[in-house]
């Protein structure tokens, strides 16, 4: 095998692994998630529970579509993308990013700025 083919293989394999990992995350996240708890971190240390709207949810649909019910009860639609362990949601030309802290079949924990969201299927 010549050096060009070795370089191609070294480039292609990491991209294939990255794509398969992101694809696996997308499949796990593609569901309707209900927010059951929300915390706000104060001074970087003290988490404080926040009263939430009982209908607050994130419905991550196939083909990167999302339907949400916000804390204020507004229904919104947009798109979502995942890269590494960060979900980006785009609604009305605004982008919001969430770090995935925990992901299981029926549990999802996200952090955005000083807010932590606990979701369940």
N, C-alpha and C. Protein backbone atom coordinates (compact mmCIF):
# COMPACT_ATOMS: atom_id res chain seq x y z
N UNK A 1 0.85 -1.17 0.00
CA UNK A 1 0.00 0.00 0.00
C UNK A 1 0.90 1.24 0.00
N UNK A 2 0.63 2.14 -0.91
CA UNK A 2 1.47 3.33 -0.99
C UNK A 2 1.05 4.38 0.05
N UNK A 3 1.85 5.40 0.21
CA UNK A 3 1.65 6.41 1.25
C UNK A 3 0.35 7.19 1.04
N UNK A 4 -0.05 7.43 -0.22
CA UNK A 4 -1.29 8.17 -0.48
C UNK A 4 -2.50 7.41 0.05
N UNK A 5 -2.53 6.10 -0.18
CA UNK A 5 -3.65 5.29 0.31
C UNK A 5 -3.67 5.23 1.83
N UNK A 6 -2.51 5.17 2.45
CA UNK A 6 -2.44 5.16 3.91
C UNK A 6 -2.98 6.48 4.48
N UNK A 7 -2.62 7.58 3.85
CA UNK A 7 -3.11 8.89 4.30
C UNK A 7 -4.62 8.98 4.14
N UNK A 8 -5.14 8.49 3.02
CA UNK A 8 -6.59 8.49 2.80
C UNK A 8 -7.31 7.71 3.89
N UNK A 9 -6.76 6.55 4.22
CA UNK A 9 -7.37 5.71 5.26
C UNK A 9 -7.32 6.42 6.61
N UNK A 10 -6.19 7.04 6.91
CA UNK A 10 -6.07 7.76 8.19
C UNK A 10 -7.02 8.95 8.27
N UNK A 11 -7.40 9.51 7.16
CA UNK A 11 -8.35 10.62 7.15
C UNK A 11 -9.79 10.12 7.19
N UNK A 12 -10.09 9.08 6.44
CA UNK A 12 -11.46 8.59 6.33
C UNK A 12 -11.95 7.92 7.61
N UNK A 13 -11.13 7.13 8.25
CA UNK A 13 -11.57 6.38 9.44
C UNK A 13 -12.06 7.29 10.56
N UNK A 14 -11.33 8.34 10.96
CA UNK A 14 -11.86 9.20 12.03
C UNK A 14 -13.19 9.86 11.67
N UNK A 15 -13.36 10.28 10.40
CA UNK A 15 -14.63 10.86 9.99
C UNK A 15 -15.76 9.84 10.07
N UNK A 16 -15.49 8.62 9.68
CA UNK A 16 -16.51 7.56 9.75
C UNK A 16 -16.92 7.29 11.19
N UNK A 17 -15.94 7.27 12.08
CA UNK A 17 -16.23 7.04 13.51
C UNK A 17 -17.04 8.20 14.07
N UNK A 18 -16.63 9.43 13.76
CA UNK A 18 -17.33 10.61 14.25
C UNK A 18 -18.76 10.63 13.74
N UNK A 19 -18.97 10.32 12.45
CA UNK A 19 -20.31 10.31 11.89
C UNK A 19 -21.17 9.25 12.55
N UNK A 20 -20.64 8.07 12.78
CA UNK A 20 -21.43 6.99 13.38
C UNK A 20 -21.78 7.33 14.82
N UNK A 21 -20.90 7.98 15.56
CA UNK A 21 -21.19 8.38 16.94
C UNK A 21 -22.27 9.44 16.97
N UNK A 22 -22.18 10.46 16.12
CA UNK A 22 -23.19 11.51 16.06
C UNK A 22 -24.53 10.93 15.63
N UNK A 23 -24.50 10.00 14.67
CA UNK A 23 -25.71 9.36 14.20
C UNK A 23 -26.37 8.58 15.33
N UNK A 24 -25.59 7.90 16.16
CA UNK A 24 -26.12 7.17 17.30
C UNK A 24 -26.75 8.10 18.31
N UNK A 25 -26.13 9.24 18.57
CA UNK A 25 -26.69 10.23 19.47
C UNK A 25 -28.00 10.78 18.93
N UNK A 26 -28.04 11.05 17.63
CA UNK A 26 -29.27 11.56 17.02
C UNK A 26 -30.42 10.60 17.23
N UNK A 27 -30.17 9.31 17.03
CA UNK A 27 -31.23 8.31 17.21
C UNK A 27 -31.72 8.28 18.66
N UNK A 28 -30.82 8.42 19.63
CA UNK A 28 -31.22 8.40 21.04
C UNK A 28 -31.99 9.66 21.42
N UNK A 29 -31.66 10.77 20.79
CA UNK A 29 -32.29 12.05 21.15
C UNK A 29 -33.62 12.24 20.42
N UNK A 30 -33.80 11.61 19.28
CA UNK A 30 -35.00 11.81 18.47
C UNK A 30 -36.21 11.18 19.17
N UNK A 31 -36.84 11.99 20.04
CA UNK A 31 -38.02 11.60 20.80
C UNK A 31 -38.68 12.87 21.34
N UNK A 32 -39.78 12.68 22.00
CA UNK A 32 -40.44 13.79 22.67
C UNK A 32 -40.01 13.77 24.14
N UNK A 33 -39.30 14.81 24.56
CA UNK A 33 -38.77 14.90 25.92
C UNK A 33 -39.55 15.95 26.70
N UNK A 34 -40.01 15.58 27.89
CA UNK A 34 -40.73 16.49 28.77
C UNK A 34 -39.77 16.99 29.85
N UNK A 35 -39.75 18.29 30.07
CA UNK A 35 -38.91 18.87 31.11
C UNK A 35 -39.62 18.67 32.44
N UNK A 36 -38.99 17.96 33.37
CA UNK A 36 -39.60 17.73 34.67
C UNK A 36 -38.93 18.51 35.79
N UNK A 37 -37.77 19.10 35.50
CA UNK A 37 -37.06 19.87 36.51
C UNK A 37 -36.11 20.83 35.80
N UNK A 38 -35.94 22.01 36.41
CA UNK A 38 -35.00 22.98 35.86
C UNK A 38 -34.31 23.68 37.03
N UNK A 39 -33.01 23.89 36.87
CA UNK A 39 -32.22 24.56 37.90
C UNK A 39 -31.48 25.75 37.29
N UNK A 40 -31.27 26.75 38.12
CA UNK A 40 -30.43 27.88 37.74
C UNK A 40 -29.28 27.94 38.73
N UNK A 41 -28.06 28.00 38.20
CA UNK A 41 -26.88 28.06 39.05
C UNK A 41 -26.59 29.52 39.39
N UNK A 42 -26.46 29.78 40.66
CA UNK A 42 -26.21 31.14 41.13
C UNK A 42 -24.76 31.21 41.62
N UNK A 43 -24.05 32.21 41.17
CA UNK A 43 -22.63 32.40 41.52
C UNK A 43 -21.78 31.19 41.16
N UNK A 44 -22.21 30.42 40.18
CA UNK A 44 -21.44 29.28 39.71
C UNK A 44 -21.47 28.06 40.61
N UNK A 45 -22.13 28.14 41.76
CA UNK A 45 -22.07 27.02 42.71
C UNK A 45 -23.42 26.55 43.23
N UNK A 46 -24.33 27.45 43.48
CA UNK A 46 -25.55 27.10 44.19
C UNK A 46 -26.72 26.87 43.23
N UNK A 47 -27.05 25.59 42.92
CA UNK A 47 -28.20 25.37 42.05
C UNK A 47 -29.51 25.66 42.78
N UNK A 48 -30.40 26.36 42.09
CA UNK A 48 -31.69 26.72 42.67
C UNK A 48 -32.79 26.18 41.76
N UNK A 49 -33.74 25.43 42.31
CA UNK A 49 -34.85 24.92 41.51
C UNK A 49 -35.72 26.06 41.02
N UNK A 50 -36.20 25.92 39.78
CA UNK A 50 -37.07 26.91 39.16
C UNK A 50 -38.40 26.23 38.88
N UNK A 51 -39.49 26.92 39.21
CA UNK A 51 -40.81 26.41 38.86
C UNK A 51 -40.91 26.37 37.34
N UNK A 52 -41.43 25.27 36.82
CA UNK A 52 -41.51 25.12 35.37
C UNK A 52 -42.95 24.96 34.91
N UNK A 53 -43.16 25.30 33.65
CA UNK A 53 -44.43 25.06 33.00
C UNK A 53 -44.58 23.55 32.82
N UNK A 54 -45.67 22.98 33.28
CA UNK A 54 -45.85 21.52 33.22
C UNK A 54 -45.90 20.98 31.79
N UNK A 55 -46.10 21.86 30.80
CA UNK A 55 -46.15 21.42 29.40
C UNK A 55 -44.82 21.61 28.68
N UNK A 56 -43.82 22.17 29.36
CA UNK A 56 -42.54 22.46 28.71
C UNK A 56 -41.93 21.17 28.17
N UNK A 57 -41.57 21.21 26.86
CA UNK A 57 -41.03 20.00 26.23
C UNK A 57 -40.20 20.35 25.01
N UNK A 58 -39.38 19.38 24.61
CA UNK A 58 -38.58 19.44 23.40
C UNK A 58 -38.86 18.16 22.62
N UNK A 59 -39.49 18.28 21.47
CA UNK A 59 -39.79 17.13 20.64
C UNK A 59 -38.81 17.14 19.46
N UNK A 60 -37.73 16.36 19.59
CA UNK A 60 -36.72 16.26 18.54
C UNK A 60 -37.20 15.24 17.52
N UNK A 61 -37.50 15.72 16.33
CA UNK A 61 -38.08 14.89 15.27
C UNK A 61 -37.01 14.48 14.27
N UNK A 62 -37.31 13.45 13.46
CA UNK A 62 -36.38 13.08 12.38
C UNK A 62 -36.19 14.25 11.42
N UNK A 63 -35.16 14.15 10.63
CA UNK A 63 -34.80 15.17 9.65
C UNK A 63 -34.50 16.51 10.31
N UNK A 64 -34.01 16.45 11.55
CA UNK A 64 -33.53 17.61 12.29
C UNK A 64 -34.59 18.70 12.51
N UNK A 65 -35.83 18.31 12.67
CA UNK A 65 -36.90 19.25 13.01
C UNK A 65 -37.13 19.17 14.51
N UNK A 66 -37.54 20.29 15.10
CA UNK A 66 -37.86 20.31 16.52
C UNK A 66 -39.12 21.12 16.75
N UNK A 67 -39.95 20.62 17.68
CA UNK A 67 -41.13 21.35 18.15
C UNK A 67 -40.98 21.49 19.65
N UNK A 68 -41.17 22.70 20.14
CA UNK A 68 -40.96 22.95 21.56
C UNK A 68 -42.16 23.66 22.16
N UNK A 69 -42.33 23.44 23.45
CA UNK A 69 -43.20 24.27 24.26
C UNK A 69 -42.29 24.89 25.31
N UNK A 70 -42.21 26.21 25.31
CA UNK A 70 -41.26 26.91 26.17
C UNK A 70 -41.79 27.08 27.59
N UNK A 71 -40.94 27.61 28.43
CA UNK A 71 -41.29 27.91 29.82
C UNK A 71 -42.49 28.86 29.87
N UNK A 72 -42.59 29.74 28.89
CA UNK A 72 -43.71 30.70 28.83
C UNK A 72 -44.96 30.10 28.19
N UNK A 73 -44.89 28.85 27.74
CA UNK A 73 -46.03 28.18 27.13
C UNK A 73 -46.14 28.39 25.63
N UNK A 74 -45.17 29.06 25.03
CA UNK A 74 -45.20 29.29 23.58
C UNK A 74 -44.80 28.03 22.83
N UNK A 75 -45.52 27.76 21.74
CA UNK A 75 -45.17 26.64 20.86
C UNK A 75 -44.27 27.18 19.77
N UNK A 76 -43.12 26.54 19.57
CA UNK A 76 -42.16 26.99 18.58
C UNK A 76 -41.68 25.80 17.76
N UNK A 77 -41.30 26.10 16.52
CA UNK A 77 -40.75 25.09 15.63
C UNK A 77 -39.41 25.58 15.11
N UNK A 78 -38.52 24.64 14.85
CA UNK A 78 -37.22 25.00 14.32
C UNK A 78 -36.47 23.77 13.87
N UNK A 79 -35.16 23.88 13.88
CA UNK A 79 -34.30 22.76 13.51
C UNK A 79 -33.28 22.53 14.61
N UNK A 80 -32.71 21.34 14.61
CA UNK A 80 -31.69 21.01 15.61
C UNK A 80 -30.59 20.20 14.95
N UNK A 81 -29.41 20.35 15.51
CA UNK A 81 -28.23 19.62 15.03
C UNK A 81 -27.40 19.23 16.23
N UNK A 82 -26.69 18.15 16.10
CA UNK A 82 -25.82 17.70 17.17
C UNK A 82 -24.40 17.56 16.64
N UNK A 83 -23.47 18.05 17.42
CA UNK A 83 -22.06 17.91 17.10
C UNK A 83 -21.34 17.64 18.41
N UNK A 84 -20.59 16.55 18.42
CA UNK A 84 -19.96 16.07 19.65
C UNK A 84 -21.07 15.88 20.67
N UNK A 85 -21.03 16.57 21.79
CA UNK A 85 -22.08 16.42 22.80
C UNK A 85 -22.82 17.75 23.00
N UNK A 86 -23.00 18.48 21.90
CA UNK A 86 -23.69 19.77 21.95
C UNK A 86 -24.86 19.75 20.96
N UNK A 87 -26.05 20.08 21.47
CA UNK A 87 -27.23 20.21 20.62
C UNK A 87 -27.42 21.70 20.33
N UNK A 88 -27.53 22.04 19.06
CA UNK A 88 -27.83 23.41 18.66
C UNK A 88 -29.24 23.45 18.12
N UNK A 89 -30.05 24.35 18.66
CA UNK A 89 -31.43 24.52 18.22
C UNK A 89 -31.55 25.90 17.58
N UNK A 90 -32.12 25.91 16.37
CA UNK A 90 -32.32 27.15 15.63
C UNK A 90 -33.82 27.43 15.51
N UNK A 91 -34.25 28.57 16.06
CA UNK A 91 -35.64 28.99 15.97
C UNK A 91 -35.65 30.48 15.64
N UNK A 92 -36.36 30.84 14.58
CA UNK A 92 -36.48 32.24 14.18
C UNK A 92 -35.14 32.96 14.15
N UNK A 93 -34.19 32.39 13.46
CA UNK A 93 -32.86 32.97 13.27
C UNK A 93 -32.06 33.11 14.57
N UNK A 94 -32.50 32.49 15.64
CA UNK A 94 -31.75 32.48 16.88
C UNK A 94 -31.21 31.08 17.12
N UNK A 95 -30.02 31.02 17.71
CA UNK A 95 -29.38 29.73 17.98
C UNK A 95 -29.19 29.60 19.48
N UNK A 96 -29.58 28.45 20.01
CA UNK A 96 -29.39 28.15 21.42
C UNK A 96 -28.63 26.83 21.50
N UNK A 97 -27.57 26.79 22.31
CA UNK A 97 -26.78 25.57 22.43
C UNK A 97 -26.95 24.95 23.81
N UNK A 98 -27.00 23.62 23.83
CA UNK A 98 -27.15 22.85 25.05
C UNK A 98 -26.06 21.78 25.10
N UNK A 99 -25.33 21.73 26.19
CA UNK A 99 -24.37 20.65 26.41
C UNK A 99 -25.12 19.45 26.96
N UNK A 100 -24.88 18.28 26.39
CA UNK A 100 -25.50 17.05 26.89
C UNK A 100 -24.66 16.56 28.06
N UNK A 101 -25.26 16.53 29.24
CA UNK A 101 -24.58 16.07 30.44
C UNK A 101 -24.84 14.58 30.67
N UNK A 102 -26.08 14.17 30.38
CA UNK A 102 -26.46 12.76 30.55
C UNK A 102 -27.48 12.40 29.49
N UNK A 103 -27.32 11.20 28.92
CA UNK A 103 -28.26 10.71 27.93
C UNK A 103 -28.45 9.22 28.13
N UNK A 104 -29.68 8.83 28.44
CA UNK A 104 -30.07 7.43 28.55
C UNK A 104 -31.35 7.27 27.72
N UNK A 105 -31.87 6.05 27.63
CA UNK A 105 -33.05 5.82 26.81
C UNK A 105 -34.25 6.66 27.26
N UNK A 106 -34.37 6.92 28.56
CA UNK A 106 -35.53 7.65 29.06
C UNK A 106 -35.17 8.90 29.86
N UNK A 107 -33.91 9.33 29.78
CA UNK A 107 -33.46 10.48 30.57
C UNK A 107 -32.44 11.30 29.78
N UNK A 108 -32.61 12.63 29.83
CA UNK A 108 -31.71 13.55 29.14
C UNK A 108 -31.49 14.75 30.05
N UNK A 109 -30.23 15.11 30.27
CA UNK A 109 -29.89 16.28 31.06
C UNK A 109 -29.06 17.21 30.20
N UNK A 110 -29.52 18.47 30.11
CA UNK A 110 -28.88 19.47 29.27
C UNK A 110 -28.50 20.69 30.10
N UNK A 111 -27.43 21.36 29.69
CA UNK A 111 -27.01 22.60 30.34
C UNK A 111 -26.84 23.67 29.27
N UNK A 112 -27.39 24.84 29.55
CA UNK A 112 -27.21 25.99 28.68
C UNK A 112 -26.97 27.21 29.57
N UNK A 113 -25.75 27.70 29.54
CA UNK A 113 -25.40 28.83 30.40
C UNK A 113 -25.55 28.44 31.86
N UNK A 114 -26.34 29.20 32.59
CA UNK A 114 -26.54 28.92 34.01
C UNK A 114 -27.76 28.04 34.29
N UNK A 115 -28.40 27.54 33.22
CA UNK A 115 -29.60 26.72 33.38
C UNK A 115 -29.32 25.24 33.08
N UNK A 116 -29.89 24.39 33.91
CA UNK A 116 -29.78 22.94 33.75
C UNK A 116 -31.18 22.37 33.60
N UNK A 117 -31.39 21.60 32.54
CA UNK A 117 -32.70 21.04 32.22
C UNK A 117 -32.67 19.53 32.41
N UNK A 118 -33.66 19.01 33.13
CA UNK A 118 -33.79 17.57 33.35
C UNK A 118 -35.03 17.13 32.58
N UNK A 119 -34.83 16.23 31.63
CA UNK A 119 -35.92 15.79 30.77
C UNK A 119 -36.11 14.28 30.87
N UNK A 120 -37.35 13.86 30.61
CA UNK A 120 -37.64 12.43 30.58
C UNK A 120 -38.53 12.13 29.38
N UNK A 121 -38.47 10.88 28.97
CA UNK A 121 -39.26 10.45 27.81
C UNK A 121 -40.69 10.25 28.22
